[in-house]
């Protein structure tokens, strides 16, 4: 299908002609070219259109709740710029690096800084960045804030029943924290109820909202201006579980919190997960007895295969620990018929990472056709907590997988509108950045995926393979 290259947030985006756009087809094209190059490195393909669709879905399902996107989930520059273009969306920063990313993208008023361990240095960093919207965990945080950032607006995180988060003040301690904030003259204006990651029973949201409403009343009676509720994070990507959670949240908000209460949340994976697909290559294979894979003697005597890939737990698959997700793969390319005609015969097995570490497992149990060394595997919905896990490898120099962007024509028009909207609404300090947000390649140039206005080769010169290979080196992104 004809395509052309455009630019968004300084990144090249392959725009496919027509309404259809398939991440798998695009990933196949990328994998074929990498194979021709002898490049076996893993990579992501990202569809910005899915981020835009997730934003629309969020406000359809939770119209009262303003999302503050968690940069810890995925700070991909295209996604950050796309979210920044929507004035209804803010950013959650936990570290100084994330804070720098946030204030470079939006005005400080759209940033919530939730450092879990406040120090004088981190508070001074917030003040110098102009960010006055802070999350605190305990009474001891109030003394530090009072000394360094006395004008900040504070949101107290509380521990709630059923939460997977270990952060937050115990509800029994909250009245004393309220009194301390009032005595110090601090603007403690709201509460955070964070259920953490994972699937939650709908009743957990109802219980959390009731607990927050009771504490709101206590804070108001003590003289605090309680006008903000933060629902925290842990929102799964769109699906039946999110619809059920949204229904419970909307009902609870309508029943317990008047319309003048500002409501926010800290979603991460909801926006990031489905937009990214990871592609890895098999670099090793061995036959095994299934009982050694499942650790169940009942499976003894059944043939299985263990595949080793070029990305692992200490990279993208660290999301298994950080985000409580279990990635699942499938062959990127269709298999060819074998001599017995059973190309689709499947075998159980597992997929492990490139190290010999026992924890380096990508998928403990898979069910695939028999794969071969050199085959590519596709891992959908891999955008959440998969791009910042290299630190655990110490000094080992392993590159982060590159990201290749694609969308269809309709999705590209949406990106154009986002660029225009950001230019119109960006603060003066970001004007020059916003004006350079959107640059478009020669609109008359049609190529097979990676040609742009800066290419040294015309898309009409040479073979398609030559064009791909030349532009691949030029536009590869990390």
Protein backbone atom coordinates (compact mmCIF):
# COMPACT_ATOMS: atom_id res chain seq x y z
CA UNK A 1 0.00 0.00 0.00
CA UNK A 2 1.42 3.47 -0.90
CA UNK A 3 2.82 5.47 1.98
CA UNK A 4 4.82 8.59 2.69
CA UNK A 5 6.90 10.04 5.49
CA UNK A 6 5.81 12.99 7.58
CA UNK A 7 7.29 14.51 10.73
CA UNK A 8 5.78 14.98 14.18
CA UNK A 9 7.74 16.00 17.29
CA UNK A 10 10.97 15.68 15.28
CA UNK A 11 10.19 12.02 14.54
CA UNK A 12 9.43 10.50 11.16
CA UNK A 13 5.99 8.95 10.86
CA UNK A 14 5.08 6.58 8.04
CA UNK A 15 1.60 7.57 6.84
CA UNK A 16 -0.26 4.82 5.00
CA UNK A 17 -2.61 5.89 2.24
CA UNK A 18 -6.25 5.07 2.94
CA UNK A 19 -8.21 4.32 6.10
CA UNK A 20 -6.58 1.03 7.02
CA UNK A 21 -3.49 0.80 9.17
CA UNK A 22 -2.14 -2.43 10.60
CA UNK A 23 0.70 -2.53 13.10
CA UNK A 24 1.49 -6.10 12.10
CA UNK A 25 1.90 -5.24 8.42
CA UNK A 26 4.10 -2.29 9.26
CA UNK A 27 6.17 -4.40 11.68
CA UNK A 28 6.64 -7.01 8.95
CA UNK A 29 8.01 -4.36 6.60
CA UNK A 30 10.40 -3.14 9.27
CA UNK A 31 11.53 -6.69 10.11
CA UNK A 32 12.14 -7.52 6.45
CA UNK A 33 14.37 -4.50 6.01
CA UNK A 34 16.25 -5.17 9.24
CA UNK A 35 16.82 -8.74 8.06
CA UNK A 36 18.25 -7.44 4.78
CA UNK A 37 20.56 -5.18 6.77
CA UNK A 38 21.70 -7.99 9.03
CA UNK A 39 20.22 -6.05 11.95
CA UNK A 40 18.84 -8.43 14.58
CA UNK A 41 17.99 -5.83 17.22
CA UNK A 42 14.48 -5.75 18.69
CA UNK A 43 12.26 -2.78 17.91
CA UNK A 44 8.91 -1.17 18.66
CA UNK A 45 6.28 0.02 16.22
CA UNK A 46 4.01 2.74 17.56
CA UNK A 47 0.71 4.07 16.26
CA UNK A 48 0.03 7.62 17.56
CA UNK A 49 -3.57 7.24 16.41
CA UNK A 50 -4.21 4.79 19.22
CA UNK A 51 -3.09 7.35 21.78
CA UNK A 52 -5.51 9.90 20.36
CA UNK A 53 -8.30 7.31 20.41
CA UNK A 54 -7.51 6.46 24.04
CA UNK A 55 -7.77 10.15 25.02
CA UNK A 56 -11.18 10.40 23.36
CA UNK A 57 -12.33 7.22 25.06
CA UNK A 58 -11.13 8.44 28.45
CA UNK A 59 -13.21 11.62 28.33
CA UNK A 60 -16.21 9.72 26.98
CA UNK A 61 -16.13 7.26 29.88
CA UNK A 62 -14.86 9.61 32.64
CA UNK A 63 -16.00 13.11 31.69
CA UNK A 64 -15.29 14.60 35.14
CA UNK A 65 -11.79 13.19 35.49
CA UNK A 66 -8.76 15.06 34.12
CA UNK A 67 -5.90 12.64 33.34
CA UNK A 68 -2.36 13.44 34.48
CA UNK A 69 -0.36 11.01 32.39
CA UNK A 70 2.33 9.11 34.31
CA UNK A 71 5.65 9.73 32.58
CA UNK A 72 7.14 6.78 34.43
CA UNK A 73 4.98 4.53 32.27
CA UNK A 74 6.50 5.62 28.96
CA UNK A 75 8.12 8.96 28.11
CA UNK A 76 8.23 8.40 24.35
CA UNK A 77 8.61 11.89 22.81
CA UNK A 78 5.87 11.46 20.20
CA UNK A 79 3.35 10.31 22.79
CA UNK A 80 4.34 13.06 25.22
CA UNK A 81 3.95 15.71 22.55
CA UNK A 82 0.62 14.28 21.42
CA UNK A 83 -0.77 14.31 24.96
CA UNK A 84 0.67 17.76 25.64
CA UNK A 85 -1.29 19.11 22.68
CA UNK A 86 -4.56 18.40 24.53
CA UNK A 87 -5.10 21.12 27.18
CA UNK A 88 -7.28 18.73 29.21
CA UNK A 89 -4.30 16.43 29.87
CA UNK A 90 -1.58 17.00 32.46
CA UNK A 91 1.54 15.06 33.44
CA UNK A 92 2.58 13.19 36.57
CA UNK A 93 6.28 13.30 37.40
CA UNK A 94 7.95 11.18 40.09
CA UNK A 95 11.65 11.94 39.47
CA UNK A 96 13.59 15.08 38.59
CA UNK A 97 14.17 13.76 35.09
CA UNK A 98 10.45 13.28 34.58
CA UNK A 99 9.81 16.75 35.96
CA UNK A 100 12.19 18.21 33.37
CA UNK A 101 10.36 16.31 30.63
CA UNK A 102 6.99 17.54 31.84
CA UNK A 103 7.82 21.24 32.11
CA UNK A 104 9.49 21.12 28.69
CA UNK A 105 6.20 19.87 27.23
CA UNK A 106 3.53 21.89 29.08
CA UNK A 107 3.16 24.84 31.41
CA UNK A 108 3.94 24.10 35.10
CA UNK A 109 0.27 24.34 36.06
CA UNK A 110 -0.37 21.09 34.20
CA UNK A 111 2.24 19.13 36.15
CA UNK A 112 1.75 17.10 39.35
CA UNK A 113 5.02 16.26 41.10
CA UNK A 114 4.69 13.15 43.28
CA UNK A 115 8.20 12.47 44.53
CA UNK A 116 7.83 9.62 47.05
CA UNK A 117 10.78 10.84 49.14
CA UNK A 118 10.86 14.60 49.46
CA UNK A 119 14.22 16.23 50.15
CA UNK A 120 15.15 19.89 50.25
CA UNK A 121 16.83 19.43 46.89
CA UNK A 122 13.81 17.88 45.18
CA UNK A 123 11.54 20.57 46.63
CA UNK A 124 13.88 23.33 45.44
CA UNK A 125 13.85 21.68 42.04
CA UNK A 126 10.05 21.86 41.97
CA UNK A 127 10.06 25.52 43.00
CA UNK A 128 12.66 26.45 40.37
CA UNK A 129 10.58 24.69 37.71
CA UNK A 130 7.50 26.64 38.78
CA UNK A 131 5.61 23.48 39.76
CA UNK A 132 3.46 24.06 42.86
CA UNK A 133 1.22 21.00 42.64
CA UNK A 134 2.75 18.34 44.92
CA UNK A 135 1.78 15.01 46.47
CA UNK A 136 2.74 14.24 50.07
CA UNK A 137 2.64 10.99 52.03
CA UNK A 138 3.07 11.83 55.72
CA UNK A 139 3.29 14.57 58.35
CA UNK A 140 7.07 14.66 58.01
CA UNK A 141 6.67 15.80 54.38
CA UNK A 142 4.72 18.84 55.57
CA UNK A 143 7.64 20.21 57.58
CA UNK A 144 9.97 19.94 54.59
CA UNK A 145 7.42 21.58 52.29
CA UNK A 146 6.79 24.37 54.78
CA UNK A 147 10.50 25.20 54.89
CA UNK A 148 11.17 25.06 51.15
CA UNK A 149 7.90 25.36 49.17
CA UNK A 150 5.36 26.99 51.52
CA UNK A 151 3.13 28.18 48.68
CA UNK A 152 2.63 24.76 47.13
CA UNK A 153 -0.78 23.14 46.74
CA UNK A 154 -0.62 19.74 48.39
CA UNK A 155 -2.48 16.50 47.82
CA UNK A 156 -2.22 13.88 50.56
CA UNK A 157 -2.07 10.26 49.40
CA UNK A 158 -3.96 7.89 51.66
CA UNK A 159 -3.80 4.11 51.91
CA UNK A 160 -7.04 2.48 50.84
CA UNK A 161 -8.39 -1.03 51.28
CA UNK A 162 -7.67 -3.34 48.36
CA UNK A 163 -4.81 -1.23 47.00
CA UNK A 164 -1.66 -2.78 45.57
CA UNK A 165 0.21 0.46 46.30
CA UNK A 166 2.30 0.54 49.46
CA UNK A 167 2.29 4.34 49.59
CA UNK A 168 -0.03 6.60 51.50
CA UNK A 169 -0.98 7.64 55.02
CA UNK A 170 -3.18 5.36 57.08
CA UNK A 171 -6.73 6.81 57.33
CA UNK A 172 -6.42 6.87 61.12
CA UNK A 173 -3.42 9.23 60.82
CA UNK A 174 -5.05 11.62 58.35
CA UNK A 175 -6.85 13.93 60.85
CA UNK A 176 -3.55 14.63 62.62
CA UNK A 177 -1.89 15.37 59.27
CA UNK A 178 -4.74 17.75 58.43
CA UNK A 179 -4.22 19.57 61.73
CA UNK A 180 -0.49 19.84 61.12
CA UNK A 181 -1.04 21.28 57.64
CA UNK A 182 -3.48 23.84 59.02
CA UNK A 183 -1.10 24.86 61.82
CA UNK A 184 1.72 25.35 59.27
CA UNK A 185 -0.52 27.41 57.02
CA UNK A 186 -0.11 25.02 54.10
CA UNK A 187 -2.59 24.62 51.26
CA UNK A 188 -3.49 20.96 51.65
CA UNK A 189 -6.32 20.93 49.16
CA UNK A 190 -7.12 17.29 48.42
CA UNK A 191 -6.56 13.57 48.67
CA UNK A 192 -5.17 10.80 46.47
CA UNK A 193 -6.81 7.37 46.60
CA UNK A 194 -4.64 5.04 44.53
CA UNK A 195 -5.70 1.43 44.07
CA UNK A 196 -2.48 0.62 42.23
CA UNK A 197 -2.03 -1.63 39.21
CA UNK A 198 -3.96 -4.78 38.38
CA UNK A 199 -7.61 -5.67 38.02
CA UNK A 200 -9.86 -4.46 40.83
CA UNK A 201 -13.33 -5.40 41.94
CA UNK A 202 -15.74 -2.59 41.18
CA UNK A 203 -16.59 -2.38 44.87
CA UNK A 204 -12.98 -1.31 45.59
CA UNK A 205 -13.57 1.99 43.81
CA UNK A 206 -16.80 2.56 45.72
CA UNK A 207 -15.09 1.85 49.04
CA UNK A 208 -12.18 4.17 48.21
CA UNK A 209 -14.48 7.02 47.22
CA UNK A 210 -16.53 6.68 50.41
CA UNK A 211 -13.36 6.74 52.51
CA UNK A 212 -12.17 9.83 50.69
CA UNK A 213 -15.51 11.59 51.13
CA UNK A 214 -15.41 11.02 54.90
CA UNK A 215 -11.90 12.44 55.11
CA UNK A 216 -12.91 15.39 52.91
CA UNK A 217 -15.54 16.30 55.50
CA UNK A 218 -12.98 16.08 58.32
CA UNK A 219 -10.53 18.29 56.43
CA UNK A 220 -13.17 20.89 55.68
CA UNK A 221 -14.27 20.98 59.34
CA UNK A 222 -10.64 21.60 60.34
CA UNK A 223 -10.48 24.64 58.06
CA UNK A 224 -8.74 23.20 55.00
CA UNK A 225 -9.86 23.98 51.46
CA UNK A 226 -10.67 20.49 50.25
CA UNK A 227 -11.44 20.86 46.56
CA UNK A 228 -9.43 18.19 44.71
CA UNK A 229 -9.69 14.40 44.50
CA UNK A 230 -7.00 12.32 42.80
CA UNK A 231 -8.09 8.80 41.80
CA UNK A 232 -4.50 7.63 41.31
CA UNK A 233 -3.44 5.17 38.63
CA UNK A 234 -3.84 1.52 37.73
CA UNK A 235 -6.34 2.02 34.90
CA UNK A 236 -6.12 -0.79 32.38
CA UNK A 237 -6.39 -0.12 28.66
CA UNK A 238 -9.89 0.23 27.26
CA UNK A 239 -12.02 -2.87 27.73
CA UNK A 240 -14.82 -4.30 29.79
CA UNK A 241 -12.90 -3.90 33.06
CA UNK A 242 -12.34 -0.20 32.39
CA UNK A 243 -15.99 0.31 31.49
CA UNK A 244 -17.07 -1.29 34.77
CA UNK A 245 -14.57 0.78 36.75
CA UNK A 246 -15.67 3.99 34.99
CA UNK A 247 -19.30 3.27 35.75
CA UNK A 248 -18.54 2.75 39.45
CA UNK A 249 -16.37 5.86 39.59
CA UNK A 250 -18.96 8.07 37.89
CA UNK A 251 -21.70 6.86 40.22
CA UNK A 252 -19.51 7.42 43.28
CA UNK A 253 -18.47 10.90 42.19
CA UNK A 254 -22.04 11.97 41.50
CA UNK A 255 -23.22 10.65 44.86
CA UNK A 256 -20.36 11.82 47.08
CA UNK A 257 -18.54 14.76 45.48
CA UNK A 258 -20.27 17.95 44.25
CA UNK A 259 -19.42 19.33 40.83
CA UNK A 260 -17.14 22.03 42.25
CA UNK A 261 -14.67 19.35 43.37
CA UNK A 262 -11.92 18.96 40.78
CA UNK A 263 -11.21 15.31 39.98
CA UNK A 264 -8.00 14.03 38.41
CA UNK A 265 -6.30 10.65 37.90
CA UNK A 266 -2.84 9.32 37.04
CA UNK A 267 -3.29 6.89 34.12
CA UNK A 268 -0.28 5.46 32.36
CA UNK A 269 -0.91 2.16 30.61
CA UNK A 270 -4.38 3.29 29.54
CA UNK A 271 -2.76 5.64 27.01
CA UNK A 272 0.52 3.85 26.34
CA UNK A 273 0.00 0.09 26.32
CA UNK A 274 -1.96 -0.53 23.13
CA UNK A 275 -0.06 2.04 21.06
CA UNK A 276 3.19 0.03 21.07
CA UNK A 277 4.03 -3.38 19.64
CA UNK A 278 7.40 -4.96 20.42
CA UNK A 279 9.11 -7.20 17.86
CA UNK A 280 11.93 -9.52 18.90
CA UNK A 281 14.05 -12.08 17.09
CA UNK A 282 14.75 -15.66 18.12
CA UNK A 283 18.48 -16.10 18.69
CA UNK A 284 18.47 -19.56 20.24
CA UNK A 285 16.29 -22.66 20.46
CA UNK A 286 16.39 -25.96 22.29
CA UNK A 287 14.04 -28.90 22.61
CA UNK A 288 12.80 -29.75 26.09
CA UNK A 289 10.37 -31.97 27.91
CA UNK A 290 7.22 -30.01 28.70
CA UNK A 291 7.41 -31.04 32.36
CA UNK A 292 10.59 -28.97 32.75
CA UNK A 293 8.70 -25.94 31.40
CA UNK A 294 5.52 -26.32 33.43
CA UNK A 295 7.21 -27.95 36.45
CA UNK A 296 4.42 -30.51 36.42
CA UNK A 297 5.20 -34.24 36.16
CA UNK A 298 1.84 -34.76 34.47
CA UNK A 299 3.33 -33.18 31.31
CA UNK A 300 6.30 -35.56 31.15
CA UNK A 301 6.91 -37.06 27.74
CA UNK A 302 5.44 -34.15 25.78
CA UNK A 303 7.71 -32.33 23.35
CA UNK A 304 8.28 -28.63 24.00
CA UNK A 305 10.64 -25.89 22.84
CA UNK A 306 12.46 -23.13 24.70
CA UNK A 307 13.16 -20.08 22.55
CA UNK A 308 15.77 -17.47 23.43
CA UNK A 309 15.14 -13.95 22.12
CA UNK A 310 17.19 -10.77 21.93
CA UNK A 311 15.24 -8.84 24.57
CA UNK A 312 14.47 -9.87 28.12
CA UNK A 313 13.39 -9.23 31.68
CA UNK A 314 16.15 -6.67 32.21
CA UNK A 315 14.82 -4.67 29.28
CA UNK A 316 11.34 -4.40 27.84
CA UNK A 317 10.01 -7.41 29.71
CA UNK A 318 10.72 -5.78 33.04
CA UNK A 319 7.08 -4.74 32.71
CA UNK A 320 6.23 -8.20 34.05
CA UNK A 321 7.46 -7.09 37.46
CA UNK A 322 6.81 -3.35 37.34
CA UNK A 323 3.34 -3.41 35.81
CA UNK A 324 2.04 -6.88 36.72
CA UNK A 325 1.42 -7.82 33.10
CA UNK A 326 2.11 -11.04 31.26
CA UNK A 327 3.18 -10.34 27.65
CA UNK A 328 2.09 -12.84 25.02
CA UNK A 329 3.71 -13.38 21.63
CA UNK A 330 2.79 -14.75 18.24
CA UNK A 331 4.83 -15.33 15.07
CA UNK A 332 5.21 -12.11 13.09
CA UNK A 333 5.21 -13.99 9.79
CA UNK A 334 3.02 -16.87 8.65
CA UNK A 335 4.75 -20.24 8.57
CA UNK A 336 5.31 -22.23 5.39
CA UNK A 337 3.92 -25.72 4.95
CA UNK A 338 6.15 -28.48 6.22
CA UNK A 339 6.68 -31.83 4.49
CA UNK A 340 3.83 -33.34 6.48
CA UNK A 341 1.54 -30.39 5.72
CA UNK A 342 1.16 -29.29 9.32
CA UNK A 343 2.51 -25.75 9.37
CA UNK A 344 -0.02 -24.83 12.05
CA UNK A 345 0.82 -27.64 14.46
CA UNK A 346 1.54 -26.05 17.82
CA UNK A 347 3.90 -26.90 20.61
CA UNK A 348 4.06 -25.68 24.17
CA UNK A 349 7.22 -24.03 25.37
CA UNK A 350 8.63 -20.87 26.87
CA UNK A 351 10.39 -17.72 25.71
CA UNK A 352 13.46 -16.55 27.64
CA UNK A 353 15.74 -13.53 27.38
CA UNK A 354 19.35 -13.24 26.20
CA UNK A 355 21.03 -13.72 29.60
CA UNK A 356 21.46 -16.92 31.59
CA UNK A 357 19.65 -15.43 34.58
CA UNK A 358 16.78 -17.55 35.91
CA UNK A 359 14.56 -14.46 36.11
CA UNK A 360 15.18 -13.52 32.49
CA UNK A 361 11.88 -14.88 31.18
CA UNK A 362 9.65 -13.12 28.66
CA UNK A 363 6.78 -15.63 28.54
CA UNK A 364 6.82 -18.62 30.91
CA UNK A 365 4.42 -20.68 28.81
CA UNK A 366 3.68 -20.20 25.13
CA UNK A 367 1.81 -22.24 22.51
CA UNK A 368 3.29 -21.65 19.06
CA UNK A 369 4.02 -23.41 15.83
CA UNK A 370 7.59 -24.66 15.79
CA UNK A 371 9.78 -21.61 15.31
CA UNK A 372 13.35 -21.36 14.06
CA UNK A 373 16.37 -19.26 14.96
CA UNK A 374 16.08 -16.00 13.05
CA UNK A 375 12.26 -15.87 13.18
CA UNK A 376 10.57 -12.73 14.49
CA UNK A 377 8.00 -12.66 17.30
CA UNK A 378 5.34 -9.99 17.76
CA UNK A 379 4.35 -8.77 21.25
CA UNK A 380 1.29 -6.47 21.15
CA UNK A 381 0.26 -3.98 23.85
CA UNK A 382 3.83 -3.48 25.09
CA UNK A 383 3.83 0.29 25.64
CA UNK A 384 3.55 0.32 29.43
CA UNK A 385 6.66 0.23 31.64
CA UNK A 386 8.75 -1.39 28.94
CA UNK A 387 11.21 1.37 28.00
CA UNK A 388 13.04 2.34 31.19
CA UNK A 389 14.32 -0.91 32.64
CA UNK A 390 17.94 -0.95 31.48
CA UNK A 391 19.41 0.46 34.73
CA UNK A 392 19.39 -2.96 36.39
CA UNK A 393 21.99 -4.14 33.89
CA UNK A 394 24.63 -1.87 35.39
CA UNK A 395 27.37 -0.96 32.92
CA UNK A 396 26.27 -3.43 30.25
CA UNK A 397 25.83 -1.46 27.05
CA UNK A 398 22.61 -2.79 25.53
CA UNK A 399 20.72 -0.31 23.35
CA UNK A 400 17.07 0.49 23.95
CA UNK A 401 14.93 -0.87 21.10
CA UNK A 402 14.26 1.69 18.38
CA UNK A 403 10.73 2.99 17.81
CA UNK A 404 9.18 3.28 14.34
CA UNK A 405 5.99 5.33 14.00
CA UNK A 406 3.08 4.75 11.65
CA UNK A 407 -0.53 5.85 11.16
CA UNK A 408 -3.16 6.14 8.44
CA UNK A 409 -4.20 9.31 6.64
CA UNK A 410 -7.09 10.11 8.97
CA UNK A 411 -4.90 9.65 12.04
CA UNK A 412 -2.27 11.90 10.50
CA UNK A 413 -4.83 14.68 10.02
CA UNK A 414 -5.55 14.40 13.74
CA UNK A 415 -1.84 14.81 14.49
CA UNK A 416 -1.81 17.91 12.30
CA UNK A 417 -4.68 19.37 14.31
CA UNK A 418 -2.87 18.55 17.56
CA UNK A 419 0.20 20.37 16.30
CA UNK A 420 -1.88 23.42 15.39
CA UNK A 421 -3.72 23.36 18.72
CA UNK A 422 -0.46 23.20 20.68
CA UNK A 423 0.98 26.12 18.74
CA UNK A 424 -2.11 28.15 19.61
CA UNK A 425 -2.21 27.24 23.31
CA UNK A 426 1.43 26.81 24.30
CA UNK A 427 2.84 29.24 26.89
CA UNK A 428 5.18 31.97 25.73
CA UNK A 429 8.19 30.14 27.07
CA UNK A 430 7.39 27.17 24.83
CA UNK A 431 6.40 29.11 21.76
CA UNK A 432 9.50 28.34 19.74
CA UNK A 433 9.23 24.65 20.58
CA UNK A 434 5.57 24.55 19.64
CA UNK A 435 6.15 26.33 16.35
CA UNK A 436 8.64 23.68 15.34
CA UNK A 437 6.39 20.81 16.41
CA UNK A 438 5.02 20.02 13.00
CA UNK A 439 7.09 19.95 9.84
CA UNK A 440 5.88 18.10 6.83
CA UNK A 441 7.83 16.40 4.13
CA UNK A 442 7.17 17.05 0.48
CA UNK A 443 3.49 16.15 0.15
CA UNK A 444 3.98 15.02 -3.43
CA UNK A 445 6.61 12.48 -2.41
CA UNK A 446 5.27 8.95 -2.19
CA UNK A 447 7.51 6.15 -1.01
CA UNK A 448 7.35 2.74 0.51
CA UNK A 449 7.66 3.86 4.08
CA UNK A 450 10.74 5.82 5.02
CA UNK A 451 11.36 8.53 2.41
CA UNK A 452 11.12 12.15 3.48
CA UNK A 453 12.12 15.59 2.37
CA UNK A 454 15.57 15.18 3.93
CA UNK A 455 16.41 11.97 2.12
CA UNK A 456 19.47 11.97 -0.09
CA UNK A 457 17.66 9.63 -2.47
CA UNK A 458 14.58 10.48 -4.46
CA UNK A 459 11.86 7.93 -3.88
CA UNK A 460 11.66 7.37 -7.59
CA UNK A 461 15.37 6.58 -7.98
CA UNK A 462 16.80 3.10 -7.55
CA UNK A 463 15.11 -0.01 -6.30
CA UNK A 464 12.68 -0.03 -3.41
CA UNK A 465 15.22 -1.97 -1.39
CA UNK A 466 17.89 0.68 -1.93
CA UNK A 467 15.52 3.44 -0.87
CA UNK A 468 14.50 1.57 2.27
CA UNK A 469 18.06 0.81 3.25
CA UNK A 470 19.26 4.38 2.71
CA UNK A 471 16.41 6.00 4.60
CA UNK A 472 16.50 3.41 7.36
CA UNK A 473 19.89 4.63 8.54
CA UNK A 474 18.72 8.22 8.38
CA UNK A 475 15.45 7.96 10.28
CA UNK A 476 16.13 5.24 12.84
CA UNK A 477 14.97 6.46 16.24
CA UNK A 478 15.81 5.38 19.75
